[in-house]
């Protein structure tokens, strides 16, 4: 019966002319030719599913920097990748290639006016860092970079269905209430109810580039993330969906924390009430690349890197890839997201044994949504056919 209805629908679309019926409010006369494809544009190595929704983390492309005007003002909008849709979580790798000078960078959602979030700050020389942002209107973002020494690479996207966004095109990231917090100490923050929340995506800002700040699961006191710099992004695992601990280097007026959103579907924290982050220290320096212990096949891992000195360098990449994250220079502590190969392998290089890696958690392998009804040359997000039936 369903097959008959679908055949009848397509016959109507093809032959009814000006009387073609509407589908979910979309004028049937405007549909033209149709074709089937996966939601979110699919991607190499992806497969379909019967829910019609995407799952997991979709890797981007580290081989080519994003093109935008670098003139120290926000460029609006920047279309990073055709697969990105509004409210997706976008991950960037940002590198300052200048040998001796800091360079400014910032990113925020594309909005109908100027978005009020502004986490722009200097990135230290010869340094790379992870940056996270919610995709705004049309899946676009606004980016500012001081000059051409800043290179921005698209790491990938987490579909909107796979996380709980706080920041979006019309809403600021939420500032954590620091009332009663102490300086030079770990402070517990209860974030309130909100469903299953396995980890928080945080932005830490500081008035001083030498101030360390950190976030950790409240039950774990070792191997915690502690990142430096005027702006730093991290993914911190939570306790019973509600609690985190945050560290303030000197005092609470010197550092602020903001929540971009929460991870729930498709994310597995390694750290919990009884388990520390997995120690993935390499134990050997220089080339060739050394493999980390495998994660899930094609999964995307979240690693925290720390170094004991500014001069120590490190690189991390999908096994066998030619494009690697550049982790070097002054930013001694960073959180990074890297997709594994089909055997679950990510590999790294360190210049000194004072550099260590720790696995925070991992995202499921990407699976494209199946059966979206597409316009030729366009995507109908409102009218979908999945597994033989119409779905919203």
Protein backbone atom coordinates (compact mmCIF):
# COMPACT_ATOMS: atom_id res chain seq x y z
CA UNK A 1 0.00 0.00 0.00
CA UNK A 2 2.85 2.38 0.91
CA UNK A 3 4.61 1.64 -2.37
CA UNK A 4 1.38 2.43 -4.23
CA UNK A 5 1.02 5.74 -2.39
CA UNK A 6 4.62 6.72 -3.19
CA UNK A 7 4.16 5.84 -6.87
CA UNK A 8 0.96 7.87 -6.92
CA UNK A 9 2.75 10.80 -5.26
CA UNK A 10 5.60 10.81 -7.77
CA UNK A 11 3.16 10.45 -10.68
CA UNK A 12 1.28 13.47 -9.38
CA UNK A 13 4.50 15.47 -9.07
CA UNK A 14 5.53 14.60 -12.60
CA UNK A 15 2.27 15.07 -14.47
CA UNK A 16 -0.13 17.29 -12.56
CA UNK A 17 1.35 20.55 -13.82
CA UNK A 18 -0.05 23.58 -11.99
CA UNK A 19 -2.20 21.26 -9.90
CA UNK A 20 0.75 19.41 -8.36
CA UNK A 21 -0.04 18.93 -4.64
CA UNK A 22 1.93 20.59 -1.91
CA UNK A 23 4.15 18.51 0.42
CA UNK A 24 4.43 19.79 3.98
CA UNK A 25 3.72 23.30 2.74
CA UNK A 26 6.23 23.18 -0.15
CA UNK A 27 4.67 24.04 -3.52
CA UNK A 28 4.71 20.89 -5.63
CA UNK A 29 4.92 22.97 -8.82
CA UNK A 30 8.39 24.07 -7.72
CA UNK A 31 9.78 20.59 -7.13
CA UNK A 32 10.95 19.71 -10.65
CA UNK A 33 13.02 16.56 -11.00
CA UNK A 34 13.71 14.58 -7.84
CA UNK A 35 16.45 12.27 -6.63
CA UNK A 36 17.27 10.39 -3.43
CA UNK A 37 20.27 11.06 -1.24
CA UNK A 38 21.39 10.81 2.39
CA UNK A 39 20.76 13.61 4.85
CA UNK A 40 23.59 16.05 5.40
CA UNK A 41 25.22 15.22 2.10
CA UNK A 42 26.44 11.74 3.07
CA UNK A 43 30.18 11.61 2.65
CA UNK A 44 32.94 9.17 1.86
CA UNK A 45 32.58 5.91 3.74
CA UNK A 46 29.14 6.75 5.09
CA UNK A 47 26.09 4.49 4.97
CA UNK A 48 22.39 5.08 5.37
CA UNK A 49 20.01 4.34 8.23
CA UNK A 50 16.24 3.93 8.41
CA UNK A 51 15.55 6.76 10.83
CA UNK A 52 16.26 9.43 8.23
CA UNK A 53 18.50 11.23 10.73
CA UNK A 54 22.28 11.44 10.72
CA UNK A 55 24.27 10.00 13.60
CA UNK A 56 27.88 10.34 14.73
CA UNK A 57 30.61 12.85 13.87
CA UNK A 58 31.23 13.66 10.19
CA UNK A 59 34.89 14.38 9.46
CA UNK A 60 35.86 17.39 7.38
CA UNK A 61 39.00 18.18 5.40
CA UNK A 62 42.33 19.22 6.91
CA UNK A 63 44.11 19.43 3.55
CA UNK A 64 42.92 22.91 2.56
CA UNK A 65 42.41 26.03 4.66
CA UNK A 66 39.02 27.75 4.55
CA UNK A 67 38.88 30.76 2.25
CA UNK A 68 37.69 34.05 3.77
CA UNK A 69 38.84 37.66 3.97
CA UNK A 70 41.43 38.11 6.73
CA UNK A 71 41.16 41.77 7.65
CA UNK A 72 40.61 41.70 11.43
CA UNK A 73 36.83 42.07 11.20
CA UNK A 74 34.03 39.51 11.24
CA UNK A 75 33.20 38.16 7.78
CA UNK A 76 29.48 37.46 7.45
CA UNK A 77 28.61 34.86 6.36
CA UNK A 78 31.28 32.21 5.72
CA UNK A 79 29.95 29.06 4.04
CA UNK A 80 32.37 26.48 5.43
CA UNK A 81 30.94 23.30 3.92
CA UNK A 82 27.78 22.36 2.04
CA UNK A 83 26.97 19.55 4.51
CA UNK A 84 26.66 21.91 7.48
CA UNK A 85 23.13 22.83 8.59
CA UNK A 86 21.88 25.32 11.17
CA UNK A 87 22.57 24.30 14.79
CA UNK A 88 25.23 21.73 13.86
CA UNK A 89 28.33 21.83 16.06
CA UNK A 90 31.34 22.81 13.93
CA UNK A 91 34.93 22.04 14.94
CA UNK A 92 37.87 24.00 13.49
CA UNK A 93 41.63 23.67 13.78
CA UNK A 94 43.13 27.19 13.85
CA UNK A 95 46.86 27.77 13.37
CA UNK A 96 48.91 30.93 13.83
CA UNK A 97 51.86 30.45 11.47
CA UNK A 98 53.69 33.61 12.51
CA UNK A 99 57.10 32.78 13.96
CA UNK A 100 57.24 35.47 16.65
CA UNK A 101 53.92 37.33 17.03
CA UNK A 102 50.44 36.62 18.39
CA UNK A 103 47.57 36.91 15.91
CA UNK A 104 43.88 37.50 16.64
CA UNK A 105 41.11 35.05 15.68
CA UNK A 106 37.43 34.61 16.52
CA UNK A 107 34.32 32.77 15.31
CA UNK A 108 30.59 33.00 16.09
CA UNK A 109 27.27 31.84 14.56
CA UNK A 110 25.94 33.61 11.51
CA UNK A 111 22.97 35.73 12.66
CA UNK A 112 20.46 38.11 11.10
CA UNK A 113 22.35 40.93 12.85
CA UNK A 114 25.63 41.00 14.77
CA UNK A 115 25.81 38.03 17.13
CA UNK A 116 26.61 39.09 20.69
CA UNK A 117 29.12 36.27 21.35
CA UNK A 118 32.69 37.38 20.71
CA UNK A 119 35.37 34.95 21.88
CA UNK A 120 38.07 36.46 19.68
CA UNK A 121 41.56 36.56 21.20
CA UNK A 122 45.23 36.32 20.32
CA UNK A 123 46.59 32.91 19.40
CA UNK A 124 50.24 32.62 20.31
CA UNK A 125 52.95 32.22 17.69
CA UNK A 126 53.51 28.80 16.08
CA UNK A 127 50.44 27.42 17.83
CA UNK A 128 47.38 25.44 16.86
CA UNK A 129 44.14 25.08 18.79
CA UNK A 130 40.68 23.54 18.54
CA UNK A 131 37.76 25.93 18.17
CA UNK A 132 34.05 25.03 18.42
CA UNK A 133 30.99 27.01 17.33
CA UNK A 134 27.31 26.47 16.56
CA UNK A 135 26.36 26.85 12.89
CA UNK A 136 24.06 29.83 12.42
CA UNK A 137 21.59 30.81 9.70
CA UNK A 138 22.01 28.68 6.53
CA UNK A 139 24.67 26.66 8.36
CA UNK A 140 27.14 29.56 8.13
CA UNK A 141 29.47 31.22 10.63
CA UNK A 142 31.21 34.58 11.03
CA UNK A 143 35.01 34.51 11.25
CA UNK A 144 37.60 37.16 12.04
CA UNK A 145 41.35 36.82 11.61
CA UNK A 146 44.01 39.48 12.01
CA UNK A 147 45.95 38.63 8.86
CA UNK A 148 47.02 35.81 6.54
CA UNK A 149 49.19 34.19 9.22
CA UNK A 150 45.99 32.65 10.58
CA UNK A 151 44.90 29.45 8.80
CA UNK A 152 41.54 27.82 9.59
CA UNK A 153 40.80 24.16 8.80
CA UNK A 154 37.42 22.42 8.91
CA UNK A 155 37.74 19.39 11.23
CA UNK A 156 34.13 18.25 10.96
CA UNK A 157 30.58 18.57 12.25
CA UNK A 158 28.29 17.00 14.80
CA UNK A 159 24.70 17.07 13.45
CA UNK A 160 22.18 19.10 15.43
CA UNK A 161 20.36 15.91 16.47
CA UNK A 162 23.50 14.64 18.23
CA UNK A 163 23.95 17.40 20.80
CA UNK A 164 22.02 19.96 22.86
CA UNK A 165 23.01 23.41 21.66
CA UNK A 166 22.93 26.40 24.00
CA UNK A 167 24.57 28.88 21.63
CA UNK A 168 22.76 29.40 18.31
CA UNK A 169 21.97 32.12 15.79
CA UNK A 170 19.83 34.05 18.28
CA UNK A 171 21.19 32.95 21.67
CA UNK A 172 24.48 33.58 23.45
CA UNK A 173 26.57 30.88 25.06
CA UNK A 174 25.63 30.62 28.74
CA UNK A 175 28.05 32.11 31.26
CA UNK A 176 28.58 29.85 34.28
CA UNK A 177 27.52 31.44 37.55
CA UNK A 178 30.69 31.78 39.62
CA UNK A 179 29.08 33.12 42.77
CA UNK A 180 30.97 31.67 45.73
CA UNK A 181 33.84 30.30 43.64
CA UNK A 182 37.36 30.52 45.07
CA UNK A 183 40.57 31.52 43.31
CA UNK A 184 43.47 29.05 42.94
CA UNK A 185 41.03 26.20 43.51
CA UNK A 186 38.67 23.71 41.89
CA UNK A 187 35.04 24.77 42.18
CA UNK A 188 32.00 22.53 41.67
CA UNK A 189 29.24 23.86 39.43
CA UNK A 190 25.78 22.30 39.35
CA UNK A 191 24.30 23.00 35.93
CA UNK A 192 20.74 21.88 36.65
CA UNK A 193 18.50 19.33 34.98
CA UNK A 194 18.32 18.94 31.23
CA UNK A 195 18.07 15.31 30.13
CA UNK A 196 20.99 13.03 29.41
CA UNK A 197 24.10 15.21 29.24
CA UNK A 198 27.37 13.29 29.10
CA UNK A 199 29.75 16.22 28.59
CA UNK A 200 29.80 20.00 28.30
CA UNK A 201 31.44 21.97 25.50
CA UNK A 202 33.13 24.91 27.20
CA UNK A 203 34.87 28.12 26.24
CA UNK A 204 37.30 29.48 28.84
CA UNK A 205 38.30 33.13 28.61
CA UNK A 206 41.08 34.80 30.59
CA UNK A 207 42.43 38.32 31.02
CA UNK A 208 45.98 36.96 31.07
CA UNK A 209 47.54 34.56 28.59
CA UNK A 210 49.48 32.81 31.37
CA UNK A 211 46.41 31.90 33.42
CA UNK A 212 45.61 28.19 33.56
CA UNK A 213 42.01 27.11 33.73
CA UNK A 214 40.55 23.64 33.76
CA UNK A 215 37.47 21.46 33.77
CA UNK A 216 37.03 17.92 35.00
CA UNK A 217 34.62 15.27 36.16
CA UNK A 218 34.03 16.00 39.87
CA UNK A 219 35.04 12.46 40.91
CA UNK A 220 38.41 12.56 39.17
CA UNK A 221 41.38 14.42 40.61
CA UNK A 222 44.16 13.29 38.23
CA UNK A 223 44.88 13.79 34.53
CA UNK A 224 42.36 16.60 34.38
CA UNK A 225 42.22 19.06 31.51
CA UNK A 226 43.97 22.30 32.39
CA UNK A 227 44.29 24.62 29.42
CA UNK A 228 46.13 27.94 29.09
CA UNK A 229 45.58 31.01 26.95
CA UNK A 230 43.20 33.96 26.68
CA UNK A 231 40.60 31.72 24.99
CA UNK A 232 40.52 27.94 25.07
CA UNK A 233 37.93 25.33 24.18
CA UNK A 234 37.46 22.00 25.92
CA UNK A 235 35.06 19.08 26.21
CA UNK A 236 34.56 18.12 29.84
CA UNK A 237 32.78 14.97 31.01
CA UNK A 238 29.99 15.48 33.54
CA UNK A 239 28.79 13.70 36.68
CA UNK A 240 25.16 12.50 36.83
CA UNK A 241 24.27 14.84 33.95
CA UNK A 242 24.56 17.95 36.11
CA UNK A 243 27.97 18.61 37.68
CA UNK A 244 31.40 19.83 36.58
CA UNK A 245 34.43 21.17 38.38
CA UNK A 246 36.27 24.22 37.07
CA UNK A 247 39.64 25.61 38.07
CA UNK A 248 40.53 29.29 38.47
CA UNK A 249 44.22 30.07 38.42
CA UNK A 250 44.12 33.25 40.48
CA UNK A 251 40.61 34.59 41.01
CA UNK A 252 37.15 34.34 39.52
CA UNK A 253 37.25 37.81 37.96
CA UNK A 254 40.28 36.86 35.88
CA UNK A 255 38.62 33.88 34.16
CA UNK A 256 35.15 33.10 32.85
CA UNK A 257 33.55 29.92 31.52
CA UNK A 258 30.79 29.70 28.92
CA UNK A 259 28.73 26.70 27.79
CA UNK A 260 28.22 26.21 24.05
CA UNK A 261 26.14 23.08 24.60
CA UNK A 262 26.10 19.48 25.80
CA UNK A 263 26.98 16.14 24.23
CA UNK A 264 24.47 13.33 24.55
CA UNK A 265 23.68 11.09 21.57
CA UNK A 266 26.58 9.32 19.90
CA UNK A 267 29.24 10.29 22.47
CA UNK A 268 30.92 7.91 24.93
CA UNK A 269 33.02 9.48 27.71
CA UNK A 270 36.12 7.54 28.70
CA UNK A 271 36.33 9.37 32.00
CA UNK A 272 33.67 8.66 34.65
CA UNK A 273 33.20 8.38 38.42
CA UNK A 274 35.68 5.50 38.67
CA UNK A 275 37.94 5.91 35.61
CA UNK A 276 40.46 8.60 34.69
CA UNK A 277 41.02 9.76 31.13
CA UNK A 278 42.97 7.09 29.23
CA UNK A 279 46.70 7.79 29.31
CA UNK A 280 47.86 7.72 25.68
CA UNK A 281 51.37 9.02 26.28
CA UNK A 282 53.52 7.86 23.37
CA UNK A 283 56.75 7.08 25.21
CA UNK A 284 58.95 7.75 22.18
CA UNK A 285 59.98 10.93 20.39
CA UNK A 286 60.42 11.91 16.74
CA UNK A 287 59.44 10.12 13.55
CA UNK A 288 57.93 7.81 12.52
CA UNK A 289 54.40 8.36 13.79
CA UNK A 290 53.37 6.18 16.75
CA UNK A 291 49.91 4.64 17.02
CA UNK A 292 47.62 5.31 19.95
CA UNK A 293 45.59 2.41 21.35
CA UNK A 294 42.66 1.87 18.99
CA UNK A 295 39.26 3.44 19.55
CA UNK A 296 36.12 2.39 17.65
CA UNK A 297 36.52 1.89 13.89
CA UNK A 298 35.99 5.24 12.11
CA UNK A 299 35.07 6.81 15.46
CA UNK A 300 36.27 10.31 16.32
CA UNK A 301 38.33 10.64 19.48
CA UNK A 302 38.62 13.60 21.85
CA UNK A 303 42.16 13.96 23.19
CA UNK A 304 43.71 16.38 25.65
CA UNK A 305 47.37 17.23 25.09
CA UNK A 306 49.69 18.74 27.70
CA UNK A 307 53.35 19.72 27.49
CA UNK A 308 55.82 20.67 30.19
CA UNK A 309 57.54 23.39 28.11
CA UNK A 310 56.70 25.94 25.41
CA UNK A 311 59.33 24.55 23.06
CA UNK A 312 57.79 21.08 22.79
CA UNK A 313 55.95 20.27 19.56
CA UNK A 314 53.47 17.54 18.67
CA UNK A 315 51.38 16.35 15.73
CA UNK A 316 48.33 14.08 15.69
CA UNK A 317 46.42 12.65 12.71
CA UNK A 318 44.32 9.82 11.30
CA UNK A 319 46.68 6.89 10.66
CA UNK A 320 48.32 7.17 7.27
CA UNK A 321 46.86 10.59 6.49
CA UNK A 322 49.09 13.31 5.08
CA UNK A 323 47.35 16.10 6.99
CA UNK A 324 47.99 16.45 10.72
CA UNK A 325 47.00 18.74 13.55
CA UNK A 326 49.83 21.12 14.36
CA UNK A 327 50.20 21.20 18.15
CA UNK A 328 53.23 23.27 18.90
CA UNK A 329 54.60 26.42 20.43
CA UNK A 330 53.15 28.41 23.29
CA UNK A 331 49.75 26.74 23.68
CA UNK A 332 51.01 23.97 25.93
CA UNK A 333 47.61 22.43 26.67
CA UNK A 334 44.85 21.78 24.17
CA UNK A 335 41.80 19.65 23.48
CA UNK A 336 41.68 18.09 20.01
CA UNK A 337 39.21 16.00 17.99
CA UNK A 338 40.61 13.47 15.49
CA UNK A 339 38.79 10.85 13.40
CA UNK A 340 40.29 7.35 13.39
CA UNK A 341 40.75 5.13 10.33
CA UNK A 342 38.72 2.00 9.60
CA UNK A 343 40.76 0.12 12.22
CA UNK A 344 40.24 2.76 14.91
CA UNK A 345 43.81 4.09 14.74
CA UNK A 346 45.04 7.65 15.33
CA UNK A 347 48.78 8.37 15.42
CA UNK A 348 51.05 11.06 16.80
CA UNK A 349 54.55 12.51 17.04
CA UNK A 350 56.08 14.33 20.00
CA UNK A 351 59.39 16.19 20.23
CA UNK A 352 59.93 15.53 23.96
CA UNK A 353 58.69 13.08 26.59
CA UNK A 354 57.21 15.99 28.51
CA UNK A 355 54.28 15.94 26.07
CA UNK A 356 51.42 13.58 26.94
CA UNK A 357 48.04 12.72 25.42
CA UNK A 358 44.89 11.60 27.26
CA UNK A 359 41.69 10.22 25.72
CA UNK A 360 38.65 12.12 27.01
CA UNK A 361 35.98 10.25 25.03
CA UNK A 362 34.84 9.40 21.52
CA UNK A 363 32.05 10.06 19.03
CA UNK A 364 30.36 7.28 17.09
CA UNK A 365 31.33 6.77 13.45
CA UNK A 366 29.29 8.90 11.07
CA UNK A 367 26.20 7.36 9.46
CA UNK A 368 24.30 9.42 6.91
CA UNK A 369 20.53 9.77 7.14
CA UNK A 370 18.77 7.76 4.48
CA UNK A 371 16.12 8.55 1.90
CA UNK A 372 15.72 12.33 1.87
CA UNK A 373 13.72 13.55 -1.11
CA UNK A 374 15.98 16.08 -2.85
CA UNK A 375 15.56 18.65 -5.53
CA UNK A 376 18.13 18.26 -8.27
CA UNK A 377 20.70 20.78 -7.15
CA UNK A 378 18.99 21.41 -3.77
CA UNK A 379 17.81 19.74 -0.58
CA UNK A 380 14.25 19.56 0.76
CA UNK A 381 14.71 19.55 4.52
CA UNK A 382 10.93 19.74 5.09
CA UNK A 383 9.77 16.89 2.84
CA UNK A 384 11.47 13.57 3.52
CA UNK A 385 10.92 9.98 2.53
CA UNK A 386 12.73 7.46 4.70
CA UNK A 387 12.39 3.66 4.68
CA UNK A 388 9.27 3.72 2.55
CA UNK A 389 7.21 6.38 4.31
CA UNK A 390 6.80 10.14 4.53
CA UNK A 391 8.41 11.66 7.62
CA UNK A 392 8.66 15.26 8.88
